[in-house]
Amino acid sequence: MADDRPDPLSDTLKGLGLLFRAARTVVSKIPTKDLEEAVATSAREVGRAIESVATTLEREVLGKKSARASAKPPESNEPPSGDSTDPKPRG
């Protein structure tokens, strides 16, 4: 009986191949004017795509939730050290 489950490595390689093919297509259509701005925009978009792929892999393969969604600032009931409202006199 054949294993019908998808192969994650194969899917990843296909996905990265599609990503690079799309990047090549976009690069071929980028205007030569304002090249610096186009390169910066393209780099940002590639970065976003890689981040999206990494987040999806982390969520699906490792079963972790997004760090952004779970990150909360620590709550503290103590005032920060050196606070001007400190009731204790110094010196």
C-alpha atoms as a PDB file:
ATOM      1  CA  MET A   1       0.000   0.000   0.000  1.00  0.00           C
ATOM      2  CA  ALA A   2       1.467   3.326  -1.058  1.00  0.00           C
ATOM      3  CA  ASP A   3       1.954   6.148   1.402  1.00  0.00           C
ATOM      4  CA  ASP A   4      -0.494   8.919   0.378  1.00  0.00           C
ATOM      5  CA  ARG A   5       0.883  11.565   2.750  1.00  0.00           C
ATOM      6  CA  PRO A   6       2.578  14.591   1.161  1.00  0.00           C
ATOM      7  CA  ASP A   7       6.366  14.756   1.320  1.00  0.00           C
ATOM      8  CA  PRO A   8       7.331  18.007   3.140  1.00  0.00           C
ATOM      9  CA  LEU A   9      10.791  18.149   1.590  1.00  0.00           C
ATOM     10  CA  SER A  10       9.416  17.718  -1.912  1.00  0.00           C
ATOM     11  CA  ASP A  11       6.727  20.342  -1.259  1.00  0.00           C
ATOM     12  CA  THR A  12       9.351  22.760   0.099  1.00  0.00           C
ATOM     13  CA  LEU A  13      11.577  22.308  -2.940  1.00  0.00           C
ATOM     14  CA  LYS A  14       8.624  22.849  -5.277  1.00  0.00           C
ATOM     15  CA  GLY A  15       7.562  25.943  -3.327  1.00  0.00           C
ATOM     16  CA  LEU A  16      11.046  27.453  -3.378  1.00  0.00           C
ATOM     17  CA  GLY A  17      11.311  26.694  -7.092  1.00  0.00           C
ATOM     18  CA  LEU A  18       8.051  28.546  -7.702  1.00  0.00           C
ATOM     19  CA  LEU A  19       9.213  31.430  -5.503  1.00  0.00           C
ATOM     20  CA  PHE A  20      12.466  31.826  -7.440  1.00  0.00           C
ATOM     21  CA  ARG A  21      10.647  31.492 -10.775  1.00  0.00           C
ATOM     22  CA  ALA A  22       8.273  34.264  -9.704  1.00  0.00           C
ATOM     23  CA  ALA A  23      11.233  36.386  -8.582  1.00  0.00           C
ATOM     24  CA  ARG A  24      12.904  35.950 -11.994  1.00  0.00           C
ATOM     25  CA  THR A  25       9.679  37.007 -13.721  1.00  0.00           C
ATOM     26  CA  VAL A  26       9.385  40.100 -11.536  1.00  0.00           C
ATOM     27  CA  VAL A  27      13.034  41.001 -12.107  1.00  0.00           C
ATOM     28  CA  SER A  28      12.540  40.811 -15.865  1.00  0.00           C
ATOM     29  CA  LYS A  29       9.646  43.285 -15.609  1.00  0.00           C
ATOM     30  CA  ILE A  30      11.315  45.805 -13.282  1.00  0.00           C
ATOM     31  CA  PRO A  31      11.871  49.152 -15.012  1.00  0.00           C
ATOM     32  CA  THR A  32      15.475  50.302 -15.314  1.00  0.00           C
ATOM     33  CA  LYS A  33      14.600  53.777 -14.021  1.00  0.00           C
ATOM     34  CA  ASP A  34      14.840  54.291 -10.292  1.00  0.00           C
ATOM     35  CA  LEU A  35      16.859  51.096 -10.029  1.00  0.00           C
ATOM     36  CA  GLU A  36      17.842  51.684  -6.404  1.00  0.00           C
ATOM     37  CA  GLU A  37      14.225  51.997  -5.291  1.00  0.00           C
ATOM     38  CA  ALA A  38      13.243  48.937  -7.324  1.00  0.00           C
ATOM     39  CA  VAL A  39      16.027  46.854  -5.764  1.00  0.00           C
ATOM     40  CA  ALA A  40      15.063  47.946  -2.256  1.00  0.00           C
ATOM     41  CA  THR A  41      11.386  47.179  -2.895  1.00  0.00           C
ATOM     42  CA  SER A  42      12.228  43.805  -4.401  1.00  0.00           C
ATOM     43  CA  ALA A  43      14.464  42.934  -1.464  1.00  0.00           C
ATOM     44  CA  ARG A  44      11.672  43.816   0.964  1.00  0.00           C
ATOM     45  CA  GLU A  45       9.193  41.671  -0.957  1.00  0.00           C
ATOM     46  CA  VAL A  46      11.593  38.721  -1.095  1.00  0.00           C
ATOM     47  CA  GLY A  47      12.188  39.145   2.628  1.00  0.00           C
ATOM     48  CA  ARG A  48       8.444  39.113   3.277  1.00  0.00           C
ATOM     49  CA  ALA A  49       8.028  36.010   1.121  1.00  0.00           C
ATOM     50  CA  ILE A  50      10.834  34.196   2.938  1.00  0.00           C
ATOM     51  CA  GLU A  51       9.403  35.217   6.299  1.00  0.00           C
ATOM     52  CA  SER A  52       5.986  33.947   5.232  1.00  0.00           C
ATOM     53  CA  VAL A  53       7.438  30.613   4.117  1.00  0.00           C
ATOM     54  CA  ALA A  54       9.434  30.287   7.334  1.00  0.00           C
ATOM     55  CA  THR A  55       6.408  31.127   9.486  1.00  0.00           C
ATOM     56  CA  THR A  56       4.255  28.628   7.640  1.00  0.00           C
ATOM     57  CA  LEU A  57       6.911  25.925   7.925  1.00  0.00           C
ATOM     58  CA  GLU A  58       7.345  26.652  11.622  1.00  0.00           C
ATOM     59  CA  ARG A  59       3.607  26.530  12.224  1.00  0.00           C
ATOM     60  CA  GLU A  60       2.882  23.450  10.111  1.00  0.00           C
ATOM     61  CA  VAL A  61       6.005  21.351  10.689  1.00  0.00           C
ATOM     62  CA  LEU A  62       7.059  22.317  14.206  1.00  0.00           C
ATOM     63  CA  GLY A  63       3.582  23.154  15.498  1.00  0.00           C
ATOM     64  CA  LYS A  64       4.665  26.493  16.959  1.00  0.00           C
ATOM     65  CA  LYS A  65       2.536  29.610  17.051  1.00  0.00           C
ATOM     66  CA  SER A  66       3.780  32.920  15.717  1.00  0.00           C
ATOM     67  CA  ALA A  67       6.169  34.719  18.068  1.00  0.00           C
ATOM     68  CA  ARG A  68       4.475  38.028  17.239  1.00  0.00           C
ATOM     69  CA  ALA A  69       1.055  36.813  18.332  1.00  0.00           C
ATOM     70  CA  SER A  70       2.259  35.311  21.599  1.00  0.00           C
ATOM     71  CA  ALA A  71       4.707  38.067  22.588  1.00  0.00           C
ATOM     72  CA  LYS A  72       3.372  40.251  25.373  1.00  0.00           C
ATOM     73  CA  PRO A  73       5.278  42.864  27.338  1.00  0.00           C
ATOM     74  CA  PRO A  74       6.102  41.682  30.862  1.00  0.00           C
ATOM     75  CA  GLU A  75       3.840  43.063  33.543  1.00  0.00           C
ATOM     76  CA  SER A  76       5.454  44.305  36.722  1.00  0.00           C
ATOM     77  CA  ASN A  77       3.932  45.863  39.811  1.00  0.00           C
ATOM     78  CA  GLU A  78       7.248  47.325  40.940  1.00  0.00           C
ATOM     79  CA  PRO A  79       8.280  50.807  39.791  1.00  0.00           C
ATOM     80  CA  PRO A  80      11.522  50.946  37.800  1.00  0.00           C
ATOM     81  CA  SER A  81      14.687  51.532  39.817  1.00  0.00           C
ATOM     82  CA  GLY A  82      15.654  55.171  40.209  1.00  0.00           C
ATOM     83  CA  ASP A  83      12.038  56.292  39.927  1.00  0.00           C
ATOM     84  CA  SER A  84      11.517  59.880  41.148  1.00  0.00           C
ATOM     85  CA  THR A  85       8.444  58.801  43.145  1.00  0.00           C
ATOM     86  CA  ASP A  86      10.552  56.485  45.330  1.00  0.00           C
ATOM     87  CA  PRO A  87       9.449  57.156  48.952  1.00  0.00           C
ATOM     88  CA  LYS A  88      12.832  56.214  50.427  1.00  0.00           C
ATOM     89  CA  PRO A  89      15.273  59.125  50.773  1.00  0.00           C
ATOM     90  CA  ARG A  90      18.678  58.533  49.268  1.00  0.00           C
ATOM     91  CA  GLY A  91      21.988  59.665  50.494  1.00  0.00           C
END
